[in-house]
Amino acid sequence: MRMFIPLEGENVLCLENAVAIYREDGVTVILRRNGGKERTSFTPRILAKRGAELSARWAADAALMKEDLRKRSNS
């Protein structure tokens, strides 16, 4: 299962592409597999929290859709 973390704006990070997440000079640096770096003002702890919240929201949405499909198929 892939894990995603929402960053600032519309950016979303797929952890499958991340090699390391660390603090440097007051910002969090995300080192990508391709060698690129992305910087964010979120701390690693906040990134983990945002990722968990997004996963929980997606799981809840999936459960609602599954229930809706079940109800429709029984109609």
PDB file of N, CA and C in Angstrom:
ATOM      1  N   MET A   1       0.842  -1.176   0.000  1.00  0.00           N
ATOM      2  CA  MET A   1       0.000   0.000   0.000  1.00  0.00           C
ATOM      3  C   MET A   1       0.885   1.235   0.000  1.00  0.00           C
ATOM      4  N   ARG A   2       0.614   2.145  -0.890  1.00  0.00           N
ATOM      5  CA  ARG A   2       1.380   3.381  -0.966  1.00  0.00           C
ATOM      6  C   ARG A   2       0.866   4.372   0.068  1.00  0.00           C
ATOM      7  N   MET A   3       1.795   5.128   0.624  1.00  0.00           N
ATOM      8  CA  MET A   3       1.408   6.151   1.587  1.00  0.00           C
ATOM      9  C   MET A   3       1.700   7.514   0.990  1.00  0.00           C
ATOM     10  N   PHE A   4       0.725   8.408   1.110  1.00  0.00           N
ATOM     11  CA  PHE A   4       0.844   9.758   0.583  1.00  0.00           C
ATOM     12  C   PHE A   4       0.763  10.753   1.728  1.00  0.00           C
ATOM     13  N   ILE A   5       1.486  11.862   1.565  1.00  0.00           N
ATOM     14  CA  ILE A   5       1.455  12.929   2.557  1.00  0.00           C
ATOM     15  C   ILE A   5       1.168  14.238   1.832  1.00  0.00           C
ATOM     16  N   PRO A   6       0.103  14.948   2.224  1.00  0.00           N
ATOM     17  CA  PRO A   6      -0.162  16.254   1.616  1.00  0.00           C
ATOM     18  C   PRO A   6       0.848  17.278   2.113  1.00  0.00           C
ATOM     19  N   LEU A   7       1.408  18.049   1.183  1.00  0.00           N
ATOM     20  CA  LEU A   7       2.330  19.129   1.512  1.00  0.00           C
ATOM     21  C   LEU A   7       1.596  20.459   1.331  1.00  0.00           C
ATOM     22  N   GLU A   8       2.329  21.535   1.208  1.00  0.00           N
ATOM     23  CA  GLU A   8       1.695  22.834   0.995  1.00  0.00           C
ATOM     24  C   GLU A   8       0.993  22.876  -0.356  1.00  0.00           C
ATOM     25  N   GLY A   9      -0.061  23.673  -0.432  1.00  0.00           N
ATOM     26  CA  GLY A   9      -0.796  23.832  -1.680  1.00  0.00           C
ATOM     27  C   GLY A   9      -1.385  22.528  -2.159  1.00  0.00           C
ATOM     28  N   GLU A  10      -1.205  22.251  -3.433  1.00  0.00           N
ATOM     29  CA  GLU A  10      -1.761  21.038  -4.047  1.00  0.00           C
ATOM     30  C   GLU A  10      -0.733  19.911  -4.116  1.00  0.00           C
ATOM     31  N   ASN A  11       0.450  20.107  -3.560  1.00  0.00           N
ATOM     32  CA  ASN A  11       1.502  19.084  -3.621  1.00  0.00           C
ATOM     33  C   ASN A  11       1.196  17.911  -2.694  1.00  0.00           C
ATOM     34  N   VAL A  12       1.464  16.713  -3.203  1.00  0.00           N
ATOM     35  CA  VAL A  12       1.316  15.491  -2.422  1.00  0.00           C
ATOM     36  C   VAL A  12       2.580  14.665  -2.623  1.00  0.00           C
ATOM     37  N   LEU A  13       3.117  14.148  -1.546  1.00  0.00           N
ATOM     38  CA  LEU A  13       4.327  13.338  -1.592  1.00  0.00           C
ATOM     39  C   LEU A  13       3.963  11.867  -1.482  1.00  0.00           C
ATOM     40  N   CYS A  14       4.454  11.049  -2.412  1.00  0.00           N
ATOM     41  CA  CYS A  14       4.317   9.598  -2.316  1.00  0.00           C
ATOM     42  C   CYS A  14       5.576   9.089  -1.628  1.00  0.00           C
ATOM     43  N   LEU A  15       5.422   8.463  -0.470  1.00  0.00           N
ATOM     44  CA  LEU A  15       6.583   8.007   0.291  1.00  0.00           C
ATOM     45  C   LEU A  15       7.380   6.935  -0.441  1.00  0.00           C
ATOM     46  N   GLU A  16       6.773   6.290  -1.423  1.00  0.00           N
ATOM     47  CA  GLU A  16       7.500   5.309  -2.216  1.00  0.00           C
ATOM     48  C   GLU A  16       8.689   5.956  -2.934  1.00  0.00           C
ATOM     49  N   ASN A  17       8.582   7.262  -3.206  1.00  0.00           N
ATOM     50  CA  ASN A  17       9.630   7.996  -3.911  1.00  0.00           C
ATOM     51  C   ASN A  17      10.602   8.699  -2.975  1.00  0.00           C
ATOM     52  N   ALA A  18      10.381   8.608  -1.673  1.00  0.00           N
ATOM     53  CA  ALA A  18      11.233   9.302  -0.706  1.00  0.00           C
ATOM     54  C   ALA A  18      12.277   8.354  -0.130  1.00  0.00           C
ATOM     55  N   VAL A  19      13.486   8.848  -0.004  1.00  0.00           N
ATOM     56  CA  VAL A  19      14.574   8.076   0.585  1.00  0.00           C
ATOM     57  C   VAL A  19      14.789   8.500   2.032  1.00  0.00           C
ATOM     58  N   ALA A  20      14.654   9.807   2.283  1.00  0.00           N
ATOM     59  CA  ALA A  20      14.881  10.326   3.642  1.00  0.00           C
ATOM     60  C   ALA A  20      14.073  11.601   3.837  1.00  0.00           C
ATOM     61  N   ILE A  21      13.697  11.836   5.089  1.00  0.00           N
ATOM     62  CA  ILE A  21      13.038  13.081   5.491  1.00  0.00           C
ATOM     63  C   ILE A  21      13.787  13.560   6.722  1.00  0.00           C
ATOM     64  N   TYR A  22      14.340  14.779   6.654  1.00  0.00           N
ATOM     65  CA  TYR A  22      15.148  15.286   7.754  1.00  0.00           C
ATOM     66  C   TYR A  22      15.049  16.807   7.844  1.00  0.00           C
ATOM     67  N   ARG A  23      15.431  17.332   9.002  1.00  0.00           N
ATOM     68  CA  ARG A  23      15.433  18.784   9.227  1.00  0.00           C
ATOM     69  C   ARG A  23      16.804  19.343   8.878  1.00  0.00           C
ATOM     70  N   GLU A  24      16.800  20.517   8.251  1.00  0.00           N
ATOM     71  CA  GLU A  24      18.042  21.197   7.895  1.00  0.00           C
ATOM     72  C   GLU A  24      17.763  22.690   7.792  1.00  0.00           C
ATOM     73  N   ASP A  25      18.482  23.472   8.562  1.00  0.00           N
ATOM     74  CA  ASP A  25      18.336  24.938   8.529  1.00  0.00           C
ATOM     75  C   ASP A  25      16.899  25.400   8.733  1.00  0.00           C
ATOM     76  N   GLY A  26      16.179  24.750   9.635  1.00  0.00           N
ATOM     77  CA  GLY A  26      14.831  25.182   9.984  1.00  0.00           C
ATOM     78  C   GLY A  26      13.724  24.727   9.053  1.00  0.00           C
ATOM     79  N   VAL A  27      14.052  23.924   8.043  1.00  0.00           N
ATOM     80  CA  VAL A  27      13.020  23.376   7.147  1.00  0.00           C
ATOM     81  C   VAL A  27      13.182  21.862   7.086  1.00  0.00           C
ATOM     82  N   THR A  28      12.150  21.187   6.645  1.00  0.00           N
ATOM     83  CA  THR A  28      12.220  19.748   6.446  1.00  0.00           C
ATOM     84  C   THR A  28      12.577  19.491   4.996  1.00  0.00           C
ATOM     85  N   VAL A  29      13.559  18.631   4.788  1.00  0.00           N
ATOM     86  CA  VAL A  29      14.007  18.269   3.446  1.00  0.00           C
ATOM     87  C   VAL A  29      13.559  16.839   3.164  1.00  0.00           C
ATOM     88  N   ILE A  30      12.981  16.649   1.990  1.00  0.00           N
ATOM     89  CA  ILE A  30      12.563  15.323   1.549  1.00  0.00           C
ATOM     90  C   ILE A  30      13.478  14.947   0.391  1.00  0.00           C
ATOM     91  N   LEU A  31      14.294  13.936   0.608  1.00  0.00           N
ATOM     92  CA  LEU A  31      15.223  13.459  -0.417  1.00  0.00           C
ATOM     93  C   LEU A  31      14.531  12.378  -1.231  1.00  0.00           C
ATOM     94  N   ARG A  32      14.460  12.598  -2.538  1.00  0.00           N
ATOM     95  CA  ARG A  32      13.773  11.659  -3.432  1.00  0.00           C
ATOM     96  C   ARG A  32      14.745  10.636  -4.009  1.00  0.00           C
ATOM     97  N   ARG A  33      14.191   9.519  -4.465  1.00  0.00           N
ATOM     98  CA  ARG A  33      15.011   8.463  -5.057  1.00  0.00           C
ATOM     99  C   ARG A  33      15.848   8.961  -6.232  1.00  0.00           C
ATOM    100  N   ASN A  34      15.295   9.895  -7.002  1.00  0.00           N
ATOM    101  CA  ASN A  34      16.007  10.398  -8.181  1.00  0.00           C
ATOM    102  C   ASN A  34      17.068  11.439  -7.818  1.00  0.00           C
ATOM    103  N   GLY A  35      17.274  11.676  -6.520  1.00  0.00           N
ATOM    104  CA  GLY A  35      18.279  12.640  -6.073  1.00  0.00           C
ATOM    105  C   GLY A  35      17.734  14.034  -5.840  1.00  0.00           C
ATOM    106  N   GLY A  36      16.522  14.284  -6.292  1.00  0.00           N
ATOM    107  CA  GLY A  36      15.916  15.591  -6.087  1.00  0.00           C
ATOM    108  C   GLY A  36      15.561  15.812  -4.625  1.00  0.00           C
ATOM    109  N   LYS A  37      15.428  17.087  -4.266  1.00  0.00           N
ATOM    110  CA  LYS A  37      15.055  17.447  -2.900  1.00  0.00           C
ATOM    111  C   LYS A  37      13.847  18.365  -2.942  1.00  0.00           C
ATOM    112  N   GLU A  38      12.979  18.165  -1.992  1.00  0.00           N
ATOM    113  CA  GLU A  38      11.825  19.052  -1.816  1.00  0.00           C
ATOM    114  C   GLU A  38      11.877  19.569  -0.389  1.00  0.00           C
ATOM    115  N   ARG A  39      11.591  20.840  -0.223  1.00  0.00           N
ATOM    116  CA  ARG A  39      11.610  21.439   1.111  1.00  0.00           C
ATOM    117  C   ARG A  39      10.193  21.823   1.514  1.00  0.00           C
ATOM    118  N   THR A  40       9.907  21.662   2.790  1.00  0.00           N
ATOM    119  CA  THR A  40       8.594  22.017   3.324  1.00  0.00           C
ATOM    120  C   THR A  40       8.774  22.637   4.700  1.00  0.00           C
ATOM    121  N   SER A  41       7.841  23.470   5.064  1.00  0.00           N
ATOM    122  CA  SER A  41       7.889  24.086   6.401  1.00  0.00           C
ATOM    123  C   SER A  41       7.348  23.137   7.470  1.00  0.00           C
ATOM    124  N   PHE A  42       6.672  22.063   7.057  1.00  0.00           N
ATOM    125  CA  PHE A  42       6.144  21.093   8.019  1.00  0.00           C
ATOM    126  C   PHE A  42       7.277  20.277   8.634  1.00  0.00           C
ATOM    127  N   THR A  43       7.173  20.001   9.920  1.00  0.00           N
ATOM    128  CA  THR A  43       8.155  19.145  10.580  1.00  0.00           C
ATOM    129  C   THR A  43       7.861  17.689  10.223  1.00  0.00           C
ATOM    130  N   PRO A  44       8.837  16.791  10.378  1.00  0.00           N
ATOM    131  CA  PRO A  44       8.562  15.378  10.116  1.00  0.00           C
ATOM    132  C   PRO A  44       7.383  14.844  10.944  1.00  0.00           C
ATOM    133  N   ARG A  45       7.235  15.289  12.182  1.00  0.00           N
ATOM    134  CA  ARG A  45       6.106  14.847  13.015  1.00  0.00           C
ATOM    135  C   ARG A  45       4.772  15.290  12.410  1.00  0.00           C
ATOM    136  N   ILE A  46       4.700  16.523  11.939  1.00  0.00           N
ATOM    137  CA  ILE A  46       3.466  17.026  11.306  1.00  0.00           C
ATOM    138  C   ILE A  46       3.209  16.280  10.002  1.00  0.00           C
ATOM    139  N   LEU A  47       4.265  15.995   9.231  1.00  0.00           N
ATOM    140  CA  LEU A  47       4.084  15.228   7.994  1.00  0.00           C
ATOM    141  C   LEU A  47       3.490  13.856   8.290  1.00  0.00           C
ATOM    142  N   ALA A  48       3.990  13.201   9.336  1.00  0.00           N
ATOM    143  CA  ALA A  48       3.450  11.888   9.719  1.00  0.00           C
ATOM    144  C   ALA A  48       1.980  12.003  10.104  1.00  0.00           C
ATOM    145  N   LYS A  49       1.640  13.037  10.845  1.00  0.00           N
ATOM    146  CA  LYS A  49       0.253  13.250  11.270  1.00  0.00           C
ATOM    147  C   LYS A  49      -0.650  13.502  10.058  1.00  0.00           C
ATOM    148  N   ARG A  50      -0.184  14.338   9.130  1.00  0.00           N
ATOM    149  CA  ARG A  50      -0.979  14.637   7.932  1.00  0.00           C
ATOM    150  C   ARG A  50      -1.172  13.382   7.081  1.00  0.00           C
ATOM    151  N   GLY A  51      -0.120  12.565   6.963  1.00  0.00           N
ATOM    152  CA  GLY A  51      -0.231  11.322   6.201  1.00  0.00           C
ATOM    153  C   GLY A  51      -1.231  10.368   6.821  1.00  0.00           C
ATOM    154  N   ALA A  52      -1.197  10.252   8.152  1.00  0.00           N
ATOM    155  CA  ALA A  52      -2.137   9.370   8.853  1.00  0.00           C
ATOM    156  C   ALA A  52      -3.572   9.868   8.702  1.00  0.00           C
ATOM    157  N   GLU A  53      -3.763  11.178   8.789  1.00  0.00           N
ATOM    158  CA  GLU A  53      -5.109  11.748   8.626  1.00  0.00           C
ATOM    159  C   GLU A  53      -5.643  11.495   7.225  1.00  0.00           C
ATOM    160  N   LEU A  54      -4.784  11.664   6.214  1.00  0.00           N
ATOM    161  CA  LEU A  54      -5.210  11.429   4.835  1.00  0.00           C
ATOM    162  C   LEU A  54      -5.570   9.958   4.627  1.00  0.00           C
ATOM    163  N   SER A  55      -4.759   9.051   5.159  1.00  0.00           N
ATOM    164  CA  SER A  55      -5.044   7.618   5.032  1.00  0.00           C
ATOM    165  C   SER A  55      -6.367   7.255   5.707  1.00  0.00           C
ATOM    166  N   ALA A  56      -6.604   7.814   6.886  1.00  0.00           N
ATOM    167  CA  ALA A  56      -7.851   7.549   7.600  1.00  0.00           C
ATOM    168  C   ALA A  56      -9.053   8.084   6.813  1.00  0.00           C
ATOM    169  N   ARG A  57      -8.904   9.262   6.218  1.00  0.00           N
ATOM    170  CA  ARG A  57      -9.994   9.847   5.435  1.00  0.00           C
ATOM    171  C   ARG A  57     -10.289   8.985   4.212  1.00  0.00           C
ATOM    172  N   TRP A  58      -9.227   8.521   3.535  1.00  0.00           N
ATOM    173  CA  TRP A  58      -9.427   7.667   2.362  1.00  0.00           C
ATOM    174  C   TRP A  58     -10.073   6.351   2.756  1.00  0.00           C
ATOM    175  N   ALA A  59      -9.673   5.777   3.885  1.00  0.00           N
ATOM    176  CA  ALA A  59     -10.270   4.524   4.350  1.00  0.00           C
ATOM    177  C   ALA A  59     -11.750   4.720   4.657  1.00  0.00           C
ATOM    178  N   ALA A  60     -12.096   5.832   5.298  1.00  0.00           N
ATOM    179  CA  ALA A  60     -13.498   6.122   5.617  1.00  0.00           C
ATOM    180  C   ALA A  60     -14.309   6.318   4.332  1.00  0.00           C
ATOM    181  N   ASP A  61     -13.736   7.046   3.363  1.00  0.00           N
ATOM    182  CA  ASP A  61     -14.426   7.248   2.085  1.00  0.00           C
ATOM    183  C   ASP A  61     -14.635   5.923   1.365  1.00  0.00           C
ATOM    184  N   ALA A  62     -13.619   5.055   1.394  1.00  0.00           N
ATOM    185  CA  ALA A  62     -13.730   3.756   0.735  1.00  0.00           C
ATOM    186  C   ALA A  62     -14.821   2.918   1.392  1.00  0.00           C
ATOM    187  N   ALA A  63     -14.907   2.962   2.716  1.00  0.00           N
ATOM    188  CA  ALA A  63     -15.944   2.210   3.426  1.00  0.00           C
ATOM    189  C   ALA A  63     -17.335   2.721   3.054  1.00  0.00           C
ATOM    190  N   LEU A  64     -17.479   4.037   2.948  1.00  0.00           N
ATOM    191  CA  LEU A  64     -18.774   4.609   2.553  1.00  0.00           C
ATOM    192  C   LEU A  64     -19.154   4.198   1.135  1.00  0.00           C
ATOM    193  N   MET A  65     -18.194   4.224   0.227  1.00  0.00           N
ATOM    194  CA  MET A  65     -18.469   3.833  -1.157  1.00  0.00           C
ATOM    195  C   MET A  65     -18.833   2.354  -1.237  1.00  0.00           C
ATOM    196  N   LYS A  66     -18.126   1.538  -0.477  1.00  0.00           N
ATOM    197  CA  LYS A  66     -18.406   0.110  -0.460  1.00  0.00           C
ATOM    198  C   LYS A  66     -19.813  -0.160   0.061  1.00  0.00           C
ATOM    199  N   GLU A  67     -20.192   0.521   1.122  1.00  0.00           N
ATOM    200  CA  GLU A  67     -21.538   0.375   1.680  1.00  0.00           C
ATOM    201  C   GLU A  67     -22.598   0.839   0.687  1.00  0.00           C
ATOM    202  N   ASP A  68     -22.331   1.957   0.000  1.00  0.00           N
ATOM    203  CA  ASP A  68     -23.267   2.464  -0.994  1.00  0.00           C
ATOM    204  C   ASP A  68     -23.447   1.463  -2.124  1.00  0.00           C
ATOM    205  N   LEU A  69     -22.350   0.883  -2.583  1.00  0.00           N
ATOM    206  CA  LEU A  69     -22.442  -0.123  -3.654  1.00  0.00           C
ATOM    207  C   LEU A  69     -23.219  -1.356  -3.193  1.00  0.00           C
ATOM    208  N   ARG A  70     -22.990  -1.758  -1.938  1.00  0.00           N
ATOM    209  CA  ARG A  70     -23.706  -2.913  -1.389  1.00  0.00           C
ATOM    210  C   ARG A  70     -25.207  -2.636  -1.369  1.00  0.00           C
ATOM    211  N   LYS A  71     -25.580  -1.435  -0.922  1.00  0.00           N
ATOM    212  CA  LYS A  71     -27.008  -1.076  -0.857  1.00  0.00           C
ATOM    213  C   LYS A  71     -27.617  -1.052  -2.251  1.00  0.00           C
ATOM    214  N   ARG A  72     -26.880  -0.507  -3.218  1.00  0.00           N
ATOM    215  CA  ARG A  72     -27.413  -0.430  -4.591  1.00  0.00           C
ATOM    216  C   ARG A  72     -27.591  -1.814  -5.201  1.00  0.00           C
ATOM    217  N   SER A  73     -26.668  -2.717  -4.897  1.00  0.00           N
ATOM    218  CA  SER A  73     -26.765  -4.052  -5.485  1.00  0.00           C
ATOM    219  C   SER A  73     -27.903  -4.868  -4.853  1.00  0.00           C
ATOM    220  N   ASN A  74     -28.292  -4.512  -3.629  1.00  0.00           N
ATOM    221  CA  ASN A  74     -29.404  -5.191  -2.965  1.00  0.00           C
ATOM    222  C   ASN A  74     -30.755  -4.579  -3.304  1.00  0.00           C
ATOM    223  N   SER A  75     -30.758  -3.478  -4.060  1.00  0.00           N
ATOM    224  CA  SER A  75     -32.021  -2.809  -4.394  1.00  0.00           C
ATOM    225  C   SER A  75     -32.685  -3.448  -5.594  1.00  0.00           C
TER     226      SER A  75
END
